[in-house]
Structures are given as C-alpha cells and as structure tokens.
Amino acid sequence: AAGAALDASRTPGLPPEVADPMQSWSLHATKLMFIMGIRGGGNSLNDAATDLNTDANNVQTACAVAMSRA
C-alpha cells in the first residue's frame, strides 16, 4: 500500500495539496512497517500510528477539497 500510494502521488497533474500528504502517508506507512518488523513498541509504535492516521485524514481532506472544486 505504501508503494501504491507513492506511485499514485506521482500522477501527472495531481495537485500538490493532494500529492504531498499521500507521499507523507507512504513514508509513515513504511516507518510503521519497519517498527513493527523490528518488534518495536511503546511510544515509537504509537507515534508512527498517530502520524499515519494524521496523514490519512489529510489525504482524505485534500481529496474532498479537490473534488469540490472540480
């Protein structure tokens, strides 16, 4: 999913306000997978999940705004 989001964020003509949070989500998804892979826990796991959720919300909001302008 992280790779697919990164690829999609590079779609020609995609507004930066949509592409940027998609790229951030991809980075944070990769970070979360890495933390889980090394069996990290505690604050690092919670912080990575929080960042991922924030990015997901930002992507959804940016897409909704972009669709309302179309």
PDB file of N, CA and C in Angstrom:
ATOM      1  N   ALA A   1       0.822  -1.186   0.000  1.00  0.00           N
ATOM      2  CA  ALA A   1       0.000   0.000   0.000  1.00  0.00           C
ATOM      3  C   ALA A   1       0.873   1.260   0.000  1.00  0.00           C
ATOM      4  N   ALA A   2       1.991   1.189   0.722  1.00  0.00           N
ATOM      5  CA  ALA A   2       2.875   2.358   0.771  1.00  0.00           C
ATOM      6  C   ALA A   2       3.432   2.665  -0.614  1.00  0.00           C
ATOM      7  N   GLY A   3       3.837   1.644  -1.343  1.00  0.00           N
ATOM      8  CA  GLY A   3       4.355   1.841  -2.692  1.00  0.00           C
ATOM      9  C   GLY A   3       3.288   2.331  -3.652  1.00  0.00           C
ATOM     10  N   ALA A   4       2.087   1.782  -3.529  1.00  0.00           N
ATOM     11  CA  ALA A   4       0.987   2.204  -4.398  1.00  0.00           C
ATOM     12  C   ALA A   4       0.630   3.665  -4.147  1.00  0.00           C
ATOM     13  N   ALA A   5       0.632   4.078  -2.889  1.00  0.00           N
ATOM     14  CA  ALA A   5       0.328   5.480  -2.566  1.00  0.00           C
ATOM     15  C   ALA A   5       1.409   6.395  -3.117  1.00  0.00           C
ATOM     16  N   LEU A   6       2.658   5.971  -3.011  1.00  0.00           N
ATOM     17  CA  LEU A   6       3.755   6.787  -3.535  1.00  0.00           C
ATOM     18  C   LEU A   6       3.653   6.901  -5.045  1.00  0.00           C
ATOM     19  N   ASP A   7       3.371   5.790  -5.725  1.00  0.00           N
ATOM     20  CA  ASP A   7       3.196   5.829  -7.179  1.00  0.00           C
ATOM     21  C   ASP A   7       2.033   6.734  -7.572  1.00  0.00           C
ATOM     22  N   ALA A   8       0.922   6.608  -6.862  1.00  0.00           N
ATOM     23  CA  ALA A   8      -0.254   7.424  -7.173  1.00  0.00           C
ATOM     24  C   ALA A   8       0.010   8.902  -6.939  1.00  0.00           C
ATOM     25  N   SER A   9       0.854   9.206  -5.957  1.00  0.00           N
ATOM     26  CA  SER A   9       1.142  10.611  -5.649  1.00  0.00           C
ATOM     27  C   SER A   9       1.945  11.281  -6.763  1.00  0.00           C
ATOM     28  N   ARG A  10       2.517  10.471  -7.632  1.00  0.00           N
ATOM     29  CA  ARG A  10       3.313  10.997  -8.742  1.00  0.00           C
ATOM     30  C   ARG A  10       2.523  11.102 -10.040  1.00  0.00           C
ATOM     31  N   THR A  11       1.195  10.966  -9.963  1.00  0.00           N
ATOM     32  CA  THR A  11       0.340  11.066 -11.136  1.00  0.00           C
ATOM     33  C   THR A  11       0.451  12.465 -11.728  1.00  0.00           C
ATOM     34  N   PRO A  12       0.738  12.546 -13.031  1.00  0.00           N
ATOM     35  CA  PRO A  12       0.838  13.871 -13.653  1.00  0.00           C
ATOM     36  C   PRO A  12      -0.450  14.675 -13.469  1.00  0.00           C
ATOM     37  N   GLY A  13      -0.284  15.919 -13.098  1.00  0.00           N
ATOM     38  CA  GLY A  13      -1.414  16.815 -12.920  1.00  0.00           C
ATOM     39  C   GLY A  13      -2.063  16.750 -11.547  1.00  0.00           C
ATOM     40  N   LEU A  14      -1.610  15.840 -10.702  1.00  0.00           N
ATOM     41  CA  LEU A  14      -2.180  15.753  -9.354  1.00  0.00           C
ATOM     42  C   LEU A  14      -1.746  16.975  -8.554  1.00  0.00           C
ATOM     43  N   PRO A  15      -2.686  17.705  -7.980  1.00  0.00           N
ATOM     44  CA  PRO A  15      -2.320  18.910  -7.230  1.00  0.00           C
ATOM     45  C   PRO A  15      -1.402  18.575  -6.052  1.00  0.00           C
ATOM     46  N   PRO A  16      -0.430  19.439  -5.782  1.00  0.00           N
ATOM     47  CA  PRO A  16       0.491  19.192  -4.672  1.00  0.00           C
ATOM     48  C   PRO A  16      -0.207  19.059  -3.322  1.00  0.00           C
ATOM     49  N   GLU A  17      -1.328  19.740  -3.146  1.00  0.00           N
ATOM     50  CA  GLU A  17      -2.027  19.638  -1.864  1.00  0.00           C
ATOM     51  C   GLU A  17      -2.616  18.243  -1.650  1.00  0.00           C
ATOM     52  N   VAL A  18      -2.737  17.454  -2.711  1.00  0.00           N
ATOM     53  CA  VAL A  18      -3.152  16.060  -2.604  1.00  0.00           C
ATOM     54  C   VAL A  18      -1.925  15.153  -2.586  1.00  0.00           C
ATOM     55  N   ALA A  19      -0.978  15.415  -3.474  1.00  0.00           N
ATOM     56  CA  ALA A  19       0.207  14.562  -3.598  1.00  0.00           C
ATOM     57  C   ALA A  19       1.081  14.585  -2.344  1.00  0.00           C
ATOM     58  N   ASP A  20       1.260  15.739  -1.748  1.00  0.00           N
ATOM     59  CA  ASP A  20       2.156  15.855  -0.589  1.00  0.00           C
ATOM     60  C   ASP A  20       1.708  14.994   0.593  1.00  0.00           C
ATOM     61  N   PRO A  21       0.431  15.050   1.005  1.00  0.00           N
ATOM     62  CA  PRO A  21       0.047  14.176   2.114  1.00  0.00           C
ATOM     63  C   PRO A  21       0.065  12.695   1.737  1.00  0.00           C
ATOM     64  N   MET A  22      -0.118  12.375   0.450  1.00  0.00           N
ATOM     65  CA  MET A  22      -0.010  10.983   0.026  1.00  0.00           C
ATOM     66  C   MET A  22       1.428  10.493   0.187  1.00  0.00           C
ATOM     67  N   GLN A  23       2.382  11.334  -0.165  1.00  0.00           N
ATOM     68  CA  GLN A  23       3.787  10.961  -0.012  1.00  0.00           C
ATOM     69  C   GLN A  23       4.154  10.834   1.458  1.00  0.00           C
ATOM     70  N   SER A  24       3.640  11.725   2.281  1.00  0.00           N
ATOM     71  CA  SER A  24       3.894  11.647   3.716  1.00  0.00           C
ATOM     72  C   SER A  24       3.295  10.372   4.294  1.00  0.00           C
ATOM     73  N   TRP A  25       2.079  10.014   3.858  1.00  0.00           N
ATOM     74  CA  TRP A  25       1.441   8.778   4.321  1.00  0.00           C
ATOM     75  C   TRP A  25       2.306   7.582   3.950  1.00  0.00           C
ATOM     76  N   SER A  26       2.815   7.576   2.726  1.00  0.00           N
ATOM     77  CA  SER A  26       3.653   6.472   2.272  1.00  0.00           C
ATOM     78  C   SER A  26       4.899   6.327   3.138  1.00  0.00           C
ATOM     79  N   LEU A  27       5.533   7.440   3.443  1.00  0.00           N
ATOM     80  CA  LEU A  27       6.720   7.420   4.297  1.00  0.00           C
ATOM     81  C   LEU A  27       6.383   6.897   5.686  1.00  0.00           C
ATOM     82  N   HIS A  28       5.305   7.397   6.267  1.00  0.00           N
ATOM     83  CA  HIS A  28       4.937   6.967   7.611  1.00  0.00           C
ATOM     84  C   HIS A  28       4.455   5.515   7.634  1.00  0.00           C
ATOM     85  N   ALA A  29       3.827   5.043   6.559  1.00  0.00           N
ATOM     86  CA  ALA A  29       3.438   3.628   6.486  1.00  0.00           C
ATOM     87  C   ALA A  29       4.677   2.741   6.468  1.00  0.00           C
ATOM     88  N   THR A  30       5.688   3.154   5.714  1.00  0.00           N
ATOM     89  CA  THR A  30       6.942   2.403   5.679  1.00  0.00           C
ATOM     90  C   THR A  30       7.606   2.397   7.049  1.00  0.00           C
ATOM     91  N   LYS A  31       7.592   3.544   7.709  1.00  0.00           N
ATOM     92  CA  LYS A  31       8.180   3.645   9.048  1.00  0.00           C
ATOM     93  C   LYS A  31       7.463   2.713  10.021  1.00  0.00           C
ATOM     94  N   LEU A  32       6.132   2.693   9.958  1.00  0.00           N
ATOM     95  CA  LEU A  32       5.360   1.831  10.847  1.00  0.00           C
ATOM     96  C   LEU A  32       5.686   0.365  10.581  1.00  0.00           C
ATOM     97  N   MET A  33       5.768  -0.031   9.316  1.00  0.00           N
ATOM     98  CA  MET A  33       6.110  -1.424   8.993  1.00  0.00           C
ATOM     99  C   MET A  33       7.495  -1.776   9.525  1.00  0.00           C
ATOM    100  N   PHE A  34       8.438  -0.848   9.417  1.00  0.00           N
ATOM    101  CA  PHE A  34       9.778  -1.085   9.922  1.00  0.00           C
ATOM    102  C   PHE A  34       9.764  -1.281  11.430  1.00  0.00           C
ATOM    103  N   ILE A  35       9.064  -0.403  12.137  1.00  0.00           N
ATOM    104  CA  ILE A  35       8.989  -0.506  13.602  1.00  0.00           C
ATOM    105  C   ILE A  35       8.356  -1.836  14.003  1.00  0.00           C
ATOM    106  N   MET A  36       7.300  -2.219  13.296  1.00  0.00           N
ATOM    107  CA  MET A  36       6.653  -3.490  13.603  1.00  0.00           C
ATOM    108  C   MET A  36       7.584  -4.660  13.276  1.00  0.00           C
ATOM    109  N   GLY A  37       8.365  -4.537  12.209  1.00  0.00           N
ATOM    110  CA  GLY A  37       9.279  -5.596  11.802  1.00  0.00           C
ATOM    111  C   GLY A  37      10.382  -5.862  12.801  1.00  0.00           C
ATOM    112  N   ILE A  38      10.827  -4.797  13.473  1.00  0.00           N
ATOM    113  CA  ILE A  38      11.874  -4.992  14.481  1.00  0.00           C
ATOM    114  C   ILE A  38      11.263  -5.182  15.868  1.00  0.00           C
ATOM    115  N   ARG A  39       9.954  -5.385  15.872  1.00  0.00           N
ATOM    116  CA  ARG A  39       9.202  -5.623  17.100  1.00  0.00           C
ATOM    117  C   ARG A  39       9.322  -4.460  18.079  1.00  0.00           C
ATOM    118  N   GLY A  40       9.320  -3.269  17.495  1.00  0.00           N
ATOM    119  CA  GLY A  40       9.325  -2.069  18.328  1.00  0.00           C
ATOM    120  C   GLY A  40       7.979  -1.911  18.998  1.00  0.00           C
ATOM    121  N   GLY A  41       7.953  -1.137  20.003  1.00  0.00           N
ATOM    122  CA  GLY A  41       6.687  -0.948  20.710  1.00  0.00           C
ATOM    123  C   GLY A  41       6.676   0.373  21.435  1.00  0.00           C
ATOM    124  N   GLY A  42       5.741   0.484  22.329  1.00  0.00           N
ATOM    125  CA  GLY A  42       5.653   1.677  23.151  1.00  0.00           C
ATOM    126  C   GLY A  42       5.397   2.930  22.354  1.00  0.00           C
ATOM    127  N   ASN A  43       6.101   3.984  22.731  1.00  0.00           N
ATOM    128  CA  ASN A  43       5.875   5.300  22.127  1.00  0.00           C
ATOM    129  C   ASN A  43       6.220   5.332  20.647  1.00  0.00           C
ATOM    130  N   SER A  44       7.258   4.632  20.224  1.00  0.00           N
ATOM    131  CA  SER A  44       7.635   4.685  18.807  1.00  0.00           C
ATOM    132  C   SER A  44       6.528   4.104  17.936  1.00  0.00           C
ATOM    133  N   LEU A  45       5.933   3.022  18.363  1.00  0.00           N
ATOM    134  CA  LEU A  45       4.840   2.408  17.612  1.00  0.00           C
ATOM    135  C   LEU A  45       3.612   3.310  17.628  1.00  0.00           C
ATOM    136  N   ASN A  46       3.270   3.839  18.790  1.00  0.00           N
ATOM    137  CA  ASN A  46       2.112   4.730  18.896  1.00  0.00           C
ATOM    138  C   ASN A  46       2.299   6.003  18.083  1.00  0.00           C
ATOM    139  N   ASP A  47       3.491   6.579  18.135  1.00  0.00           N
ATOM    140  CA  ASP A  47       3.766   7.810  17.378  1.00  0.00           C
ATOM    141  C   ASP A  47       3.668   7.564  15.879  1.00  0.00           C
ATOM    142  N   ALA A  48       4.207   6.434  15.413  1.00  0.00           N
ATOM    143  CA  ALA A  48       4.152   6.119  13.985  1.00  0.00           C
ATOM    144  C   ALA A  48       2.703   5.921  13.538  1.00  0.00           C
ATOM    145  N   ALA A  49       1.911   5.247  14.349  1.00  0.00           N
ATOM    146  CA  ALA A  49       0.498   5.038  14.005  1.00  0.00           C
ATOM    147  C   ALA A  49      -0.270   6.356  14.003  1.00  0.00           C
ATOM    148  N   THR A  50       0.031   7.226  14.954  1.00  0.00           N
ATOM    149  CA  THR A  50      -0.624   8.537  15.003  1.00  0.00           C
ATOM    150  C   THR A  50      -0.273   9.359  13.766  1.00  0.00           C
ATOM    151  N   ASP A  51       1.006   9.353  13.386  1.00  0.00           N
ATOM    152  CA  ASP A  51       1.423  10.078  12.177  1.00  0.00           C
ATOM    153  C   ASP A  51       0.705   9.536  10.943  1.00  0.00           C
ATOM    154  N   LEU A  52       0.581   8.228  10.861  1.00  0.00           N
ATOM    155  CA  LEU A  52      -0.087   7.603   9.721  1.00  0.00           C
ATOM    156  C   LEU A  52      -1.559   8.005   9.669  1.00  0.00           C
ATOM    157  N   ASN A  53      -2.222   7.993  10.815  1.00  0.00           N
ATOM    158  CA  ASN A  53      -3.630   8.391  10.863  1.00  0.00           C
ATOM    159  C   ASN A  53      -3.820   9.862  10.506  1.00  0.00           C
ATOM    160  N   THR A  54      -2.912  10.702  10.965  1.00  0.00           N
ATOM    161  CA  THR A  54      -2.980  12.133  10.618  1.00  0.00           C
ATOM    162  C   THR A  54      -2.833  12.325   9.119  1.00  0.00           C
ATOM    163  N   ASP A  55      -1.862  11.626   8.533  1.00  0.00           N
ATOM    164  CA  ASP A  55      -1.665  11.721   7.084  1.00  0.00           C
ATOM    165  C   ASP A  55      -2.889  11.233   6.321  1.00  0.00           C
ATOM    166  N   ALA A  56      -3.477  10.136   6.775  1.00  0.00           N
ATOM    167  CA  ALA A  56      -4.669   9.608   6.105  1.00  0.00           C
ATOM    168  C   ALA A  56      -5.796  10.632   6.128  1.00  0.00           C
ATOM    169  N   ASN A  57      -5.984  11.282   7.252  1.00  0.00           N
ATOM    170  CA  ASN A  57      -7.002  12.326   7.352  1.00  0.00           C
ATOM    171  C   ASN A  57      -6.685  13.489   6.419  1.00  0.00           C
ATOM    172  N   ASN A  58      -5.414  13.873   6.356  1.00  0.00           N
ATOM    173  CA  ASN A  58      -5.013  14.979   5.478  1.00  0.00           C
ATOM    174  C   ASN A  58      -5.247  14.642   4.010  1.00  0.00           C
ATOM    175  N   VAL A  59      -4.983  13.393   3.627  1.00  0.00           N
ATOM    176  CA  VAL A  59      -5.228  12.965   2.237  1.00  0.00           C
ATOM    177  C   VAL A  59      -6.721  13.022   1.944  1.00  0.00           C
ATOM    178  N   GLN A  60      -7.529  12.496   2.838  1.00  0.00           N
ATOM    179  CA  GLN A  60      -8.978  12.498   2.628  1.00  0.00           C
ATOM    180  C   GLN A  60      -9.520  13.919   2.510  1.00  0.00           C
ATOM    181  N   THR A  61      -9.043  14.795   3.359  1.00  0.00           N
ATOM    182  CA  THR A  61      -9.492  16.187   3.317  1.00  0.00           C
ATOM    183  C   THR A  61      -9.061  16.854   2.019  1.00  0.00           C
ATOM    184  N   ALA A  62      -7.812  16.645   1.610  1.00  0.00           N
ATOM    185  CA  ALA A  62      -7.331  17.250   0.377  1.00  0.00           C
ATOM    186  C   ALA A  62      -8.105  16.732  -0.837  1.00  0.00           C
ATOM    187  N   CYS A  63      -8.424  15.448  -0.843  1.00  0.00           N
ATOM    188  CA  CYS A  63      -9.203  14.895  -1.956  1.00  0.00           C
ATOM    189  C   CYS A  63     -10.611  15.470  -1.973  1.00  0.00           C
ATOM    190  N   ALA A  64     -11.212  15.603  -0.808  1.00  0.00           N
ATOM    191  CA  ALA A  64     -12.561  16.178  -0.744  1.00  0.00           C
ATOM    192  C   ALA A  64     -12.566  17.625  -1.238  1.00  0.00           C
ATOM    193  N   VAL A  65     -11.577  18.392  -0.845  1.00  0.00           N
ATOM    194  CA  VAL A  65     -11.488  19.785  -1.300  1.00  0.00           C
ATOM    195  C   VAL A  65     -11.275  19.833  -2.812  1.00  0.00           C
ATOM    196  N   ALA A  66     -10.382  18.986  -3.311  1.00  0.00           N
ATOM    197  CA  ALA A  66     -10.118  18.967  -4.753  1.00  0.00           C
ATOM    198  C   ALA A  66     -11.373  18.564  -5.537  1.00  0.00           C
ATOM    199  N   MET A  67     -12.129  17.607  -5.025  1.00  0.00           N
ATOM    200  CA  MET A  67     -13.351  17.180  -5.718  1.00  0.00           C
ATOM    201  C   MET A  67     -14.423  18.267  -5.682  1.00  0.00           C
ATOM    202  N   SER A  68     -14.452  19.054  -4.634  1.00  0.00           N
ATOM    203  CA  SER A  68     -15.457  20.106  -4.542  1.00  0.00           C
ATOM    204  C   SER A  68     -15.165  21.240  -5.525  1.00  0.00           C
ATOM    205  N   ARG A  69     -13.905  21.336  -5.944  1.00  0.00           N
ATOM    206  CA  ARG A  69     -13.528  22.373  -6.910  1.00  0.00           C
ATOM    207  C   ARG A  69     -13.709  21.912  -8.352  1.00  0.00           C
ATOM    208  N   ALA A  70     -13.886  20.602  -8.534  1.00  0.00           N
ATOM    209  CA  ALA A  70     -13.982  20.058  -9.901  1.00  0.00           C
ATOM    210  C   ALA A  70     -15.344  20.299 -10.496  1.00  0.00           C
TER     211      ALA A  70
END
